[in-house]
Amino acid sequence: MTGGVIRHAGLIAQRVGGLWRGVLIEGPSGAGKSDLALRCLDAGFRLVADDRVELFTAEGRLFGAPPATLAGLIEVRGVGVLAVDALPLAEVALVLRCGAPERIPDPDHVDILGVAVPALTLSPLEAAAPAKLSRALALFDAEPNRRKKHGSRPDGRAGGDFP
């Protein structure tokens, strides 16, 4: 495990091809990051971290986990901070920037701790945002050589379901 940085973001994950694939949700305060995460939980995603994410690399892959004080908690604006069943960490497979998307965007990526991660911009409050994220994860996971790049676990064991 190398590096480490805390980002003001949320991290949710969905099972794709038997593995948990994480979406790092970035945007300014009040942009709808937690609102989107909450709706994604209802659509089968799992929470990893809300509000802040500790990012680190292992074997050339980017992972995120919640700071200990925020583990298993999500802020629901207007309701309060709620406890939810959360994953302890997930590989970051996609970065979502909250904002107005282009109709047909060019492929994009963001470099975090030396790892290039696919990125896209979506309106987090749009009703279809959880469905779009699910499809984007499946699309990026199906790219050639993705499995070859991500075929081992950060604990050194080959393949399998992580975490």
N, C-alpha and C. Protein backbone atom coordinates (compact mmCIF):
# COMPACT_ATOMS: atom_id res chain seq x y z
N MET A 1 0.85 -1.17 0.00
CA MET A 1 0.00 0.00 0.00
C MET A 1 0.89 1.24 0.00
N THR A 2 0.59 2.19 -0.89
CA THR A 2 1.40 3.40 -0.96
C THR A 2 0.53 4.64 -1.00
N GLY A 3 1.17 5.74 -0.67
CA GLY A 3 0.51 7.03 -0.75
C GLY A 3 -0.68 7.12 0.17
N GLY A 4 -1.37 8.18 0.06
CA GLY A 4 -2.58 8.36 0.84
C GLY A 4 -2.95 9.82 0.84
N VAL A 5 -4.20 10.09 0.57
CA VAL A 5 -4.70 11.44 0.54
C VAL A 5 -6.18 11.40 0.89
N ILE A 6 -6.66 12.42 1.57
CA ILE A 6 -8.08 12.51 1.88
C ILE A 6 -8.70 13.52 0.90
N ARG A 7 -9.81 13.10 0.26
CA ARG A 7 -10.53 13.99 -0.66
C ARG A 7 -11.93 14.22 -0.14
N HIS A 8 -12.40 15.45 -0.36
CA HIS A 8 -13.79 15.79 -0.02
C HIS A 8 -14.64 15.21 -1.14
N ALA A 9 -15.19 14.02 -0.90
CA ALA A 9 -15.95 13.29 -1.92
C ALA A 9 -16.72 12.18 -1.23
N GLY A 10 -17.53 11.48 -2.01
CA GLY A 10 -18.20 10.28 -1.54
C GLY A 10 -17.71 9.10 -2.35
N LEU A 11 -17.88 7.90 -1.84
CA LEU A 11 -17.50 6.70 -2.57
C LEU A 11 -18.58 5.65 -2.36
N ILE A 12 -19.15 5.22 -3.48
CA ILE A 12 -20.13 4.14 -3.48
C ILE A 12 -19.59 3.04 -4.37
N ALA A 13 -20.13 1.83 -4.24
CA ALA A 13 -19.64 0.72 -5.05
C ALA A 13 -20.79 -0.17 -5.47
N GLN A 14 -20.60 -0.79 -6.62
CA GLN A 14 -21.58 -1.73 -7.15
C GLN A 14 -20.83 -2.97 -7.61
N ARG A 15 -21.48 -4.12 -7.48
CA ARG A 15 -20.88 -5.37 -7.96
C ARG A 15 -21.01 -5.43 -9.47
N VAL A 16 -19.87 -5.55 -10.14
CA VAL A 16 -19.82 -5.66 -11.60
C VAL A 16 -18.90 -6.83 -11.91
N GLY A 17 -19.41 -7.83 -12.61
CA GLY A 17 -18.57 -8.98 -12.93
C GLY A 17 -18.03 -9.69 -11.71
N GLY A 18 -18.77 -9.67 -10.61
CA GLY A 18 -18.34 -10.37 -9.39
C GLY A 18 -17.43 -9.56 -8.48
N LEU A 19 -17.07 -8.34 -8.89
CA LEU A 19 -16.17 -7.50 -8.09
C LEU A 19 -16.87 -6.20 -7.69
N TRP A 20 -16.49 -5.63 -6.56
CA TRP A 20 -17.02 -4.33 -6.16
C TRP A 20 -16.24 -3.26 -6.90
N ARG A 21 -16.95 -2.41 -7.66
CA ARG A 21 -16.36 -1.34 -8.45
C ARG A 21 -16.84 -0.02 -7.87
N GLY A 22 -15.92 0.84 -7.49
CA GLY A 22 -16.26 2.08 -6.81
C GLY A 22 -16.41 3.28 -7.73
N VAL A 23 -17.32 4.18 -7.34
CA VAL A 23 -17.51 5.47 -8.00
C VAL A 23 -17.19 6.55 -6.99
N LEU A 24 -16.16 7.34 -7.27
CA LEU A 24 -15.79 8.47 -6.43
C LEU A 24 -16.61 9.66 -6.90
N ILE A 25 -17.48 10.18 -6.03
CA ILE A 25 -18.38 11.28 -6.39
C ILE A 25 -17.79 12.58 -5.86
N GLU A 26 -17.42 13.48 -6.80
CA GLU A 26 -16.79 14.74 -6.43
C GLU A 26 -17.67 15.92 -6.83
N GLY A 27 -17.62 16.97 -6.04
CA GLY A 27 -18.36 18.20 -6.33
C GLY A 27 -18.34 19.09 -5.12
N PRO A 28 -18.73 20.35 -5.31
CA PRO A 28 -18.74 21.28 -4.18
C PRO A 28 -19.80 20.92 -3.14
N SER A 29 -19.67 21.48 -1.97
CA SER A 29 -20.65 21.27 -0.91
C SER A 29 -22.03 21.67 -1.40
N GLY A 30 -23.02 20.84 -1.16
CA GLY A 30 -24.39 21.12 -1.56
C GLY A 30 -24.71 20.75 -3.00
N ALA A 31 -23.76 20.14 -3.72
CA ALA A 31 -23.99 19.79 -5.13
C ALA A 31 -24.91 18.60 -5.32
N GLY A 32 -25.07 17.79 -4.27
CA GLY A 32 -25.94 16.62 -4.38
C GLY A 32 -25.19 15.30 -4.29
N LYS A 33 -23.95 15.31 -3.81
CA LYS A 33 -23.15 14.07 -3.72
C LYS A 33 -23.83 13.03 -2.83
N SER A 34 -24.21 13.43 -1.62
CA SER A 34 -24.83 12.49 -0.69
C SER A 34 -26.23 12.10 -1.15
N ASP A 35 -26.96 13.04 -1.77
CA ASP A 35 -28.28 12.73 -2.31
C ASP A 35 -28.17 11.65 -3.37
N LEU A 36 -27.20 11.80 -4.27
CA LEU A 36 -26.98 10.79 -5.31
C LEU A 36 -26.59 9.46 -4.67
N ALA A 37 -25.68 9.49 -3.71
CA ALA A 37 -25.26 8.26 -3.04
C ALA A 37 -26.45 7.55 -2.40
N LEU A 38 -27.32 8.30 -1.74
CA LEU A 38 -28.49 7.72 -1.10
C LEU A 38 -29.40 7.04 -2.13
N ARG A 39 -29.64 7.69 -3.26
CA ARG A 39 -30.47 7.09 -4.30
C ARG A 39 -29.79 5.87 -4.92
N CYS A 40 -28.47 5.92 -5.02
CA CYS A 40 -27.74 4.76 -5.55
C CYS A 40 -27.83 3.57 -4.59
N LEU A 41 -27.86 3.83 -3.28
CA LEU A 41 -28.02 2.74 -2.31
C LEU A 41 -29.34 2.03 -2.55
N ASP A 42 -30.38 2.78 -2.87
CA ASP A 42 -31.68 2.18 -3.17
C ASP A 42 -31.66 1.41 -4.48
N ALA A 43 -30.67 1.67 -5.32
CA ALA A 43 -30.55 1.01 -6.63
C ALA A 43 -29.53 -0.14 -6.60
N GLY A 44 -29.11 -0.56 -5.41
CA GLY A 44 -28.23 -1.72 -5.31
C GLY A 44 -26.76 -1.43 -5.08
N PHE A 45 -26.36 -0.16 -5.05
CA PHE A 45 -24.99 0.19 -4.71
C PHE A 45 -24.80 0.04 -3.21
N ARG A 46 -23.55 0.05 -2.76
CA ARG A 46 -23.23 0.05 -1.33
C ARG A 46 -22.39 1.27 -1.01
N LEU A 47 -22.58 1.84 0.14
CA LEU A 47 -21.77 2.97 0.59
C LEU A 47 -20.40 2.47 1.02
N VAL A 48 -19.38 3.23 0.66
CA VAL A 48 -18.05 3.03 1.21
C VAL A 48 -17.74 4.21 2.12
N ALA A 49 -17.90 5.44 1.59
CA ALA A 49 -17.60 6.63 2.38
C ALA A 49 -18.47 7.80 1.93
N ASP A 50 -18.86 8.63 2.88
CA ASP A 50 -19.62 9.83 2.56
C ASP A 50 -18.86 11.03 3.12
N ASP A 51 -18.77 12.08 2.35
CA ASP A 51 -18.17 13.35 2.72
C ASP A 51 -16.65 13.39 2.58
N ARG A 52 -15.95 12.40 3.08
CA ARG A 52 -14.50 12.33 2.93
C ARG A 52 -14.08 10.90 2.63
N VAL A 53 -13.08 10.78 1.76
CA VAL A 53 -12.58 9.46 1.35
C VAL A 53 -11.06 9.44 1.48
N GLU A 54 -10.54 8.44 2.14
CA GLU A 54 -9.09 8.23 2.19
C GLU A 54 -8.71 7.40 0.97
N LEU A 55 -7.91 7.97 0.08
CA LEU A 55 -7.49 7.28 -1.14
C LEU A 55 -6.06 6.81 -0.99
N PHE A 56 -5.79 5.61 -1.52
CA PHE A 56 -4.45 5.04 -1.47
C PHE A 56 -4.29 4.09 -2.65
N THR A 57 -3.04 3.75 -2.95
CA THR A 57 -2.78 2.81 -4.04
C THR A 57 -2.20 1.52 -3.49
N ALA A 58 -2.47 0.46 -4.23
CA ALA A 58 -1.89 -0.86 -3.94
C ALA A 58 -1.76 -1.56 -5.28
N GLU A 59 -0.56 -2.02 -5.59
CA GLU A 59 -0.28 -2.73 -6.83
C GLU A 59 -0.78 -1.97 -8.06
N GLY A 60 -0.60 -0.65 -8.04
CA GLY A 60 -0.97 0.17 -9.18
C GLY A 60 -2.45 0.44 -9.32
N ARG A 61 -3.24 0.10 -8.32
CA ARG A 61 -4.68 0.31 -8.35
C ARG A 61 -5.05 1.33 -7.27
N LEU A 62 -6.12 2.10 -7.52
CA LEU A 62 -6.56 3.12 -6.59
C LEU A 62 -7.72 2.58 -5.76
N PHE A 63 -7.62 2.75 -4.45
CA PHE A 63 -8.66 2.30 -3.52
C PHE A 63 -9.09 3.46 -2.64
N GLY A 64 -10.30 3.36 -2.11
CA GLY A 64 -10.80 4.35 -1.18
C GLY A 64 -11.46 3.69 0.01
N ALA A 65 -11.36 4.36 1.15
CA ALA A 65 -11.96 3.88 2.40
C ALA A 65 -12.42 5.10 3.19
N PRO A 66 -13.35 4.90 4.12
CA PRO A 66 -13.79 6.04 4.93
C PRO A 66 -12.80 6.33 6.05
N PRO A 67 -12.68 7.59 6.47
CA PRO A 67 -11.97 7.85 7.71
C PRO A 67 -12.71 7.12 8.84
N ALA A 68 -12.00 6.63 9.81
CA ALA A 68 -12.62 5.81 10.87
C ALA A 68 -13.82 6.48 11.52
N THR A 69 -13.77 7.79 11.72
CA THR A 69 -14.86 8.49 12.41
C THR A 69 -16.13 8.58 11.56
N LEU A 70 -16.03 8.34 10.24
CA LEU A 70 -17.20 8.45 9.36
C LEU A 70 -17.66 7.11 8.81
N ALA A 71 -17.00 6.03 9.18
CA ALA A 71 -17.33 4.71 8.63
C ALA A 71 -18.78 4.34 8.91
N GLY A 72 -19.50 3.94 7.86
CA GLY A 72 -20.87 3.49 8.00
C GLY A 72 -21.89 4.59 8.21
N LEU A 73 -21.51 5.85 7.94
CA LEU A 73 -22.41 6.97 8.14
C LEU A 73 -22.63 7.73 6.85
N ILE A 74 -23.85 8.22 6.64
CA ILE A 74 -24.17 9.06 5.49
C ILE A 74 -25.03 10.22 5.97
N GLU A 75 -24.74 11.41 5.45
CA GLU A 75 -25.54 12.59 5.78
C GLU A 75 -26.73 12.65 4.85
N VAL A 76 -27.91 12.71 5.42
CA VAL A 76 -29.13 12.86 4.65
C VAL A 76 -29.65 14.25 4.98
N ARG A 77 -29.40 15.18 4.08
CA ARG A 77 -29.77 16.59 4.30
C ARG A 77 -31.25 16.70 4.65
N GLY A 78 -31.52 17.41 5.74
CA GLY A 78 -32.89 17.58 6.21
C GLY A 78 -33.35 16.51 7.17
N VAL A 79 -32.56 15.41 7.28
CA VAL A 79 -32.92 14.32 8.19
C VAL A 79 -31.87 14.17 9.27
N GLY A 80 -30.59 14.11 8.88
CA GLY A 80 -29.51 13.95 9.83
C GLY A 80 -28.47 12.98 9.31
N VAL A 81 -27.62 12.53 10.20
CA VAL A 81 -26.58 11.56 9.87
C VAL A 81 -27.10 10.18 10.25
N LEU A 82 -27.13 9.29 9.27
CA LEU A 82 -27.69 7.95 9.48
C LEU A 82 -26.64 6.87 9.33
N ALA A 83 -26.81 5.79 10.07
CA ALA A 83 -25.94 4.62 9.95
C ALA A 83 -26.47 3.73 8.83
N VAL A 84 -25.57 3.23 7.98
CA VAL A 84 -25.93 2.30 6.91
C VAL A 84 -24.90 1.19 6.86
N ASP A 85 -25.30 0.06 6.28
CA ASP A 85 -24.39 -1.05 6.06
C ASP A 85 -23.41 -0.64 4.97
N ALA A 86 -22.13 -0.58 5.28
CA ALA A 86 -21.14 -0.07 4.33
C ALA A 86 -20.00 -1.06 4.11
N LEU A 87 -19.37 -0.93 2.95
CA LEU A 87 -18.16 -1.70 2.66
C LEU A 87 -16.97 -1.01 3.31
N PRO A 88 -15.96 -1.75 3.73
CA PRO A 88 -14.80 -1.13 4.37
C PRO A 88 -13.89 -0.38 3.38
N LEU A 89 -13.92 -0.78 2.10
CA LEU A 89 -13.13 -0.13 1.07
C LEU A 89 -13.58 -0.65 -0.29
N ALA A 90 -13.16 0.05 -1.34
CA ALA A 90 -13.45 -0.40 -2.71
C ALA A 90 -12.42 0.19 -3.65
N GLU A 91 -12.18 -0.51 -4.74
CA GLU A 91 -11.33 0.03 -5.79
C GLU A 91 -12.11 1.13 -6.50
N VAL A 92 -11.44 2.24 -6.79
CA VAL A 92 -12.07 3.34 -7.51
C VAL A 92 -11.95 3.04 -9.00
N ALA A 93 -13.10 2.76 -9.63
CA ALA A 93 -13.14 2.42 -11.04
C ALA A 93 -13.62 3.57 -11.91
N LEU A 94 -14.22 4.60 -11.27
CA LEU A 94 -14.80 5.70 -12.02
C LEU A 94 -14.86 6.93 -11.11
N VAL A 95 -14.57 8.09 -11.68
CA VAL A 95 -14.73 9.36 -10.96
C VAL A 95 -15.90 10.09 -11.58
N LEU A 96 -16.86 10.47 -10.75
CA LEU A 96 -18.01 11.24 -11.20
C LEU A 96 -17.86 12.67 -10.72
N ARG A 97 -17.86 13.60 -11.65
CA ARG A 97 -17.84 15.02 -11.31
C ARG A 97 -19.28 15.52 -11.38
N CYS A 98 -19.75 16.15 -10.32
CA CYS A 98 -21.10 16.70 -10.31
C CYS A 98 -21.12 17.97 -11.16
N GLY A 99 -22.03 18.01 -12.12
CA GLY A 99 -22.12 19.18 -12.98
C GLY A 99 -23.02 18.90 -14.16
N ALA A 100 -23.03 19.83 -15.10
CA ALA A 100 -23.84 19.68 -16.31
C ALA A 100 -23.05 18.89 -17.35
N PRO A 101 -23.55 17.72 -17.74
CA PRO A 101 -22.81 16.88 -18.69
C PRO A 101 -22.97 17.35 -20.13
N GLU A 102 -21.97 17.01 -20.93
CA GLU A 102 -22.10 17.21 -22.38
C GLU A 102 -23.02 16.11 -22.89
N ARG A 103 -23.64 16.36 -24.02
CA ARG A 103 -24.57 15.37 -24.57
C ARG A 103 -23.85 14.07 -24.89
N ILE A 104 -22.76 14.15 -25.63
CA ILE A 104 -21.93 12.98 -25.93
C ILE A 104 -20.48 13.38 -25.65
N PRO A 105 -20.01 13.10 -24.43
CA PRO A 105 -18.68 13.57 -24.04
C PRO A 105 -17.55 12.74 -24.66
N ASP A 106 -16.41 13.38 -24.81
CA ASP A 106 -15.20 12.66 -25.20
C ASP A 106 -14.73 11.85 -23.99
N PRO A 107 -14.05 10.73 -24.22
CA PRO A 107 -13.51 9.96 -23.10
C PRO A 107 -12.58 10.85 -22.26
N ASP A 108 -12.67 10.70 -20.96
CA ASP A 108 -11.88 11.52 -20.05
C ASP A 108 -11.36 10.64 -18.91
N HIS A 109 -10.34 11.12 -18.26
CA HIS A 109 -9.82 10.43 -17.08
C HIS A 109 -9.23 11.48 -16.15
N VAL A 110 -9.01 11.08 -14.92
CA VAL A 110 -8.36 11.92 -13.93
C VAL A 110 -7.23 11.10 -13.32
N ASP A 111 -6.11 11.75 -13.05
CA ASP A 111 -4.97 11.08 -12.45
C ASP A 111 -5.00 11.33 -10.95
N ILE A 112 -5.11 10.26 -10.17
CA ILE A 112 -5.12 10.35 -8.72
C ILE A 112 -4.03 9.43 -8.19
N LEU A 113 -3.07 10.00 -7.49
CA LEU A 113 -1.94 9.25 -6.93
C LEU A 113 -1.24 8.40 -7.99
N GLY A 114 -1.17 8.91 -9.21
CA GLY A 114 -0.47 8.22 -10.29
C GLY A 114 -1.29 7.16 -11.01
N VAL A 115 -2.57 7.05 -10.69
CA VAL A 115 -3.45 6.08 -11.34
C VAL A 115 -4.46 6.83 -12.20
N ALA A 116 -4.53 6.49 -13.48
CA ALA A 116 -5.50 7.10 -14.38
C ALA A 116 -6.84 6.39 -14.21
N VAL A 117 -7.86 7.16 -13.85
CA VAL A 117 -9.20 6.60 -13.60
C VAL A 117 -10.18 7.26 -14.57
N PRO A 118 -11.02 6.47 -15.26
CA PRO A 118 -12.03 7.08 -16.13
C PRO A 118 -12.88 8.07 -15.35
N ALA A 119 -13.29 9.15 -16.02
CA ALA A 119 -14.08 10.20 -15.36
C ALA A 119 -15.22 10.63 -16.26
N LEU A 120 -16.31 11.03 -15.64
CA LEU A 120 -17.41 11.60 -16.39
C LEU A 120 -18.12 12.62 -15.52
N THR A 121 -18.90 13.47 -16.19
CA THR A 121 -19.67 14.50 -15.50
C THR A 121 -21.14 14.17 -15.66
N LEU A 122 -21.86 14.19 -14.54
CA LEU A 122 -23.31 13.96 -14.55
C LEU A 122 -23.97 14.93 -13.59
N SER A 123 -25.22 15.22 -13.85
CA SER A 123 -26.03 16.01 -12.93
C SER A 123 -26.49 15.06 -11.81
N PRO A 124 -26.01 15.24 -10.58
CA PRO A 124 -26.32 14.28 -9.53
C PRO A 124 -27.79 14.23 -9.12
N LEU A 125 -28.52 15.30 -9.36
CA LEU A 125 -29.93 15.34 -8.94
C LEU A 125 -30.88 14.83 -10.01
N GLU A 126 -30.35 14.48 -11.18
CA GLU A 126 -31.18 13.93 -12.26
C GLU A 126 -31.70 12.56 -11.84
N ALA A 127 -32.95 12.30 -12.12
CA ALA A 127 -33.57 11.03 -11.70
C ALA A 127 -32.83 9.81 -12.24
N ALA A 128 -32.29 9.90 -13.45
CA ALA A 128 -31.63 8.75 -14.07
C ALA A 128 -30.16 8.59 -13.66
N ALA A 129 -29.64 9.47 -12.81
CA ALA A 129 -28.21 9.42 -12.45
C ALA A 129 -27.77 8.05 -11.91
N PRO A 130 -28.50 7.40 -10.99
CA PRO A 130 -28.06 6.08 -10.54
C PRO A 130 -27.99 5.05 -11.67
N ALA A 131 -28.97 5.06 -12.58
CA ALA A 131 -28.96 4.13 -13.72
C ALA A 131 -27.80 4.43 -14.65
N LYS A 132 -27.51 5.71 -14.86
CA LYS A 132 -26.38 6.08 -15.71
C LYS A 132 -25.07 5.61 -15.10
N LEU A 133 -24.92 5.77 -13.79
CA LEU A 133 -23.69 5.31 -13.13
C LEU A 133 -23.52 3.81 -13.25
N SER A 134 -24.59 3.07 -13.06
CA SER A 134 -24.53 1.61 -13.18
C SER A 134 -24.07 1.20 -14.57
N ARG A 135 -24.62 1.84 -15.58
CA ARG A 135 -24.25 1.51 -16.96
C ARG A 135 -22.83 1.96 -17.28
N ALA A 136 -22.41 3.11 -16.75
CA ALA A 136 -21.04 3.57 -16.97
C ALA A 136 -20.04 2.61 -16.35
N LEU A 137 -20.33 2.12 -15.14
CA LEU A 137 -19.42 1.14 -14.51
C LEU A 137 -19.29 -0.11 -15.36
N ALA A 138 -20.40 -0.61 -15.85
CA ALA A 138 -20.36 -1.81 -16.69
C ALA A 138 -19.60 -1.54 -17.98
N LEU A 139 -19.77 -0.37 -18.55
CA LEU A 139 -19.07 -0.01 -19.78
C LEU A 139 -17.56 0.05 -19.56
N PHE A 140 -17.12 0.75 -18.53
CA PHE A 140 -15.69 0.87 -18.28
C PHE A 140 -15.08 -0.45 -17.85
N ASP A 141 -15.85 -1.28 -17.16
CA ASP A 141 -15.34 -2.58 -16.73
C ASP A 141 -15.16 -3.52 -17.92
N ALA A 142 -15.90 -3.31 -18.99
CA ALA A 142 -15.83 -4.17 -20.17
C ALA A 142 -14.71 -3.76 -21.13
N GLU A 143 -14.01 -2.66 -20.84
CA GLU A 143 -12.93 -2.22 -21.74
C GLU A 143 -11.86 -3.30 -21.83
N PRO A 144 -11.24 -3.45 -23.00
CA PRO A 144 -10.18 -4.46 -23.17
C PRO A 144 -9.07 -4.27 -22.15
N ASN A 145 -8.56 -5.38 -21.67
CA ASN A 145 -7.43 -5.45 -20.74
C ASN A 145 -7.74 -4.97 -19.32
N ARG A 146 -8.96 -4.55 -19.03
CA ARG A 146 -9.25 -4.07 -17.68
C ARG A 146 -9.02 -5.18 -16.67
N ARG A 147 -9.48 -6.37 -16.96
CA ARG A 147 -9.28 -7.48 -16.03
C ARG A 147 -7.79 -7.79 -15.85
N LYS A 148 -7.03 -7.71 -16.91
CA LYS A 148 -5.60 -7.98 -16.82
C LYS A 148 -4.92 -6.97 -15.91
N LYS A 149 -5.32 -5.70 -16.00
CA LYS A 149 -4.73 -4.67 -15.16
C LYS A 149 -5.14 -4.84 -13.71
N HIS A 150 -6.34 -5.39 -13.47
CA HIS A 150 -6.89 -5.43 -12.13
C HIS A 150 -7.17 -6.85 -11.65
N GLY A 151 -6.33 -7.78 -12.03
CA GLY A 151 -6.60 -9.17 -11.73
C GLY A 151 -6.11 -9.66 -10.38
N SER A 152 -5.41 -8.83 -9.62
CA SER A 152 -4.93 -9.30 -8.33
C SER A 152 -5.46 -8.38 -7.22
N ARG A 153 -5.42 -8.90 -6.01
CA ARG A 153 -5.94 -8.19 -4.87
C ARG A 153 -4.83 -7.38 -4.20
N PRO A 154 -5.17 -6.31 -3.47
CA PRO A 154 -4.14 -5.53 -2.80
C PRO A 154 -3.46 -6.28 -1.66
N ASP A 155 -4.04 -7.41 -1.23
CA ASP A 155 -3.38 -8.18 -0.18
C ASP A 155 -2.42 -9.21 -0.76
N GLY A 156 -2.25 -9.18 -2.11
CA GLY A 156 -1.27 -10.05 -2.76
C GLY A 156 -1.82 -11.34 -3.31
N ARG A 157 -3.05 -11.72 -2.92
CA ARG A 157 -3.64 -12.95 -3.46
C ARG A 157 -4.18 -12.69 -4.85
N ALA A 158 -4.19 -13.69 -5.67
CA ALA A 158 -4.63 -13.54 -7.07
C ALA A 158 -6.15 -13.53 -7.16
N GLY A 159 -6.67 -12.66 -8.05
CA GLY A 159 -8.09 -12.65 -8.43
C GLY A 159 -9.03 -12.55 -7.26
N GLY A 160 -10.20 -13.11 -7.46
CA GLY A 160 -11.18 -13.17 -6.38
C GLY A 160 -12.02 -11.93 -6.24
N ASP A 161 -12.85 -11.93 -5.24
CA ASP A 161 -13.78 -10.84 -4.97
C ASP A 161 -13.19 -9.97 -3.86
N PHE A 162 -12.96 -8.72 -4.15
CA PHE A 162 -12.37 -7.84 -3.14
C PHE A 162 -13.23 -6.62 -2.97
N PRO A 163 -13.56 -6.17 -1.80
CA PRO A 163 -13.24 -6.79 -0.53
C PRO A 163 -14.11 -7.99 -0.25
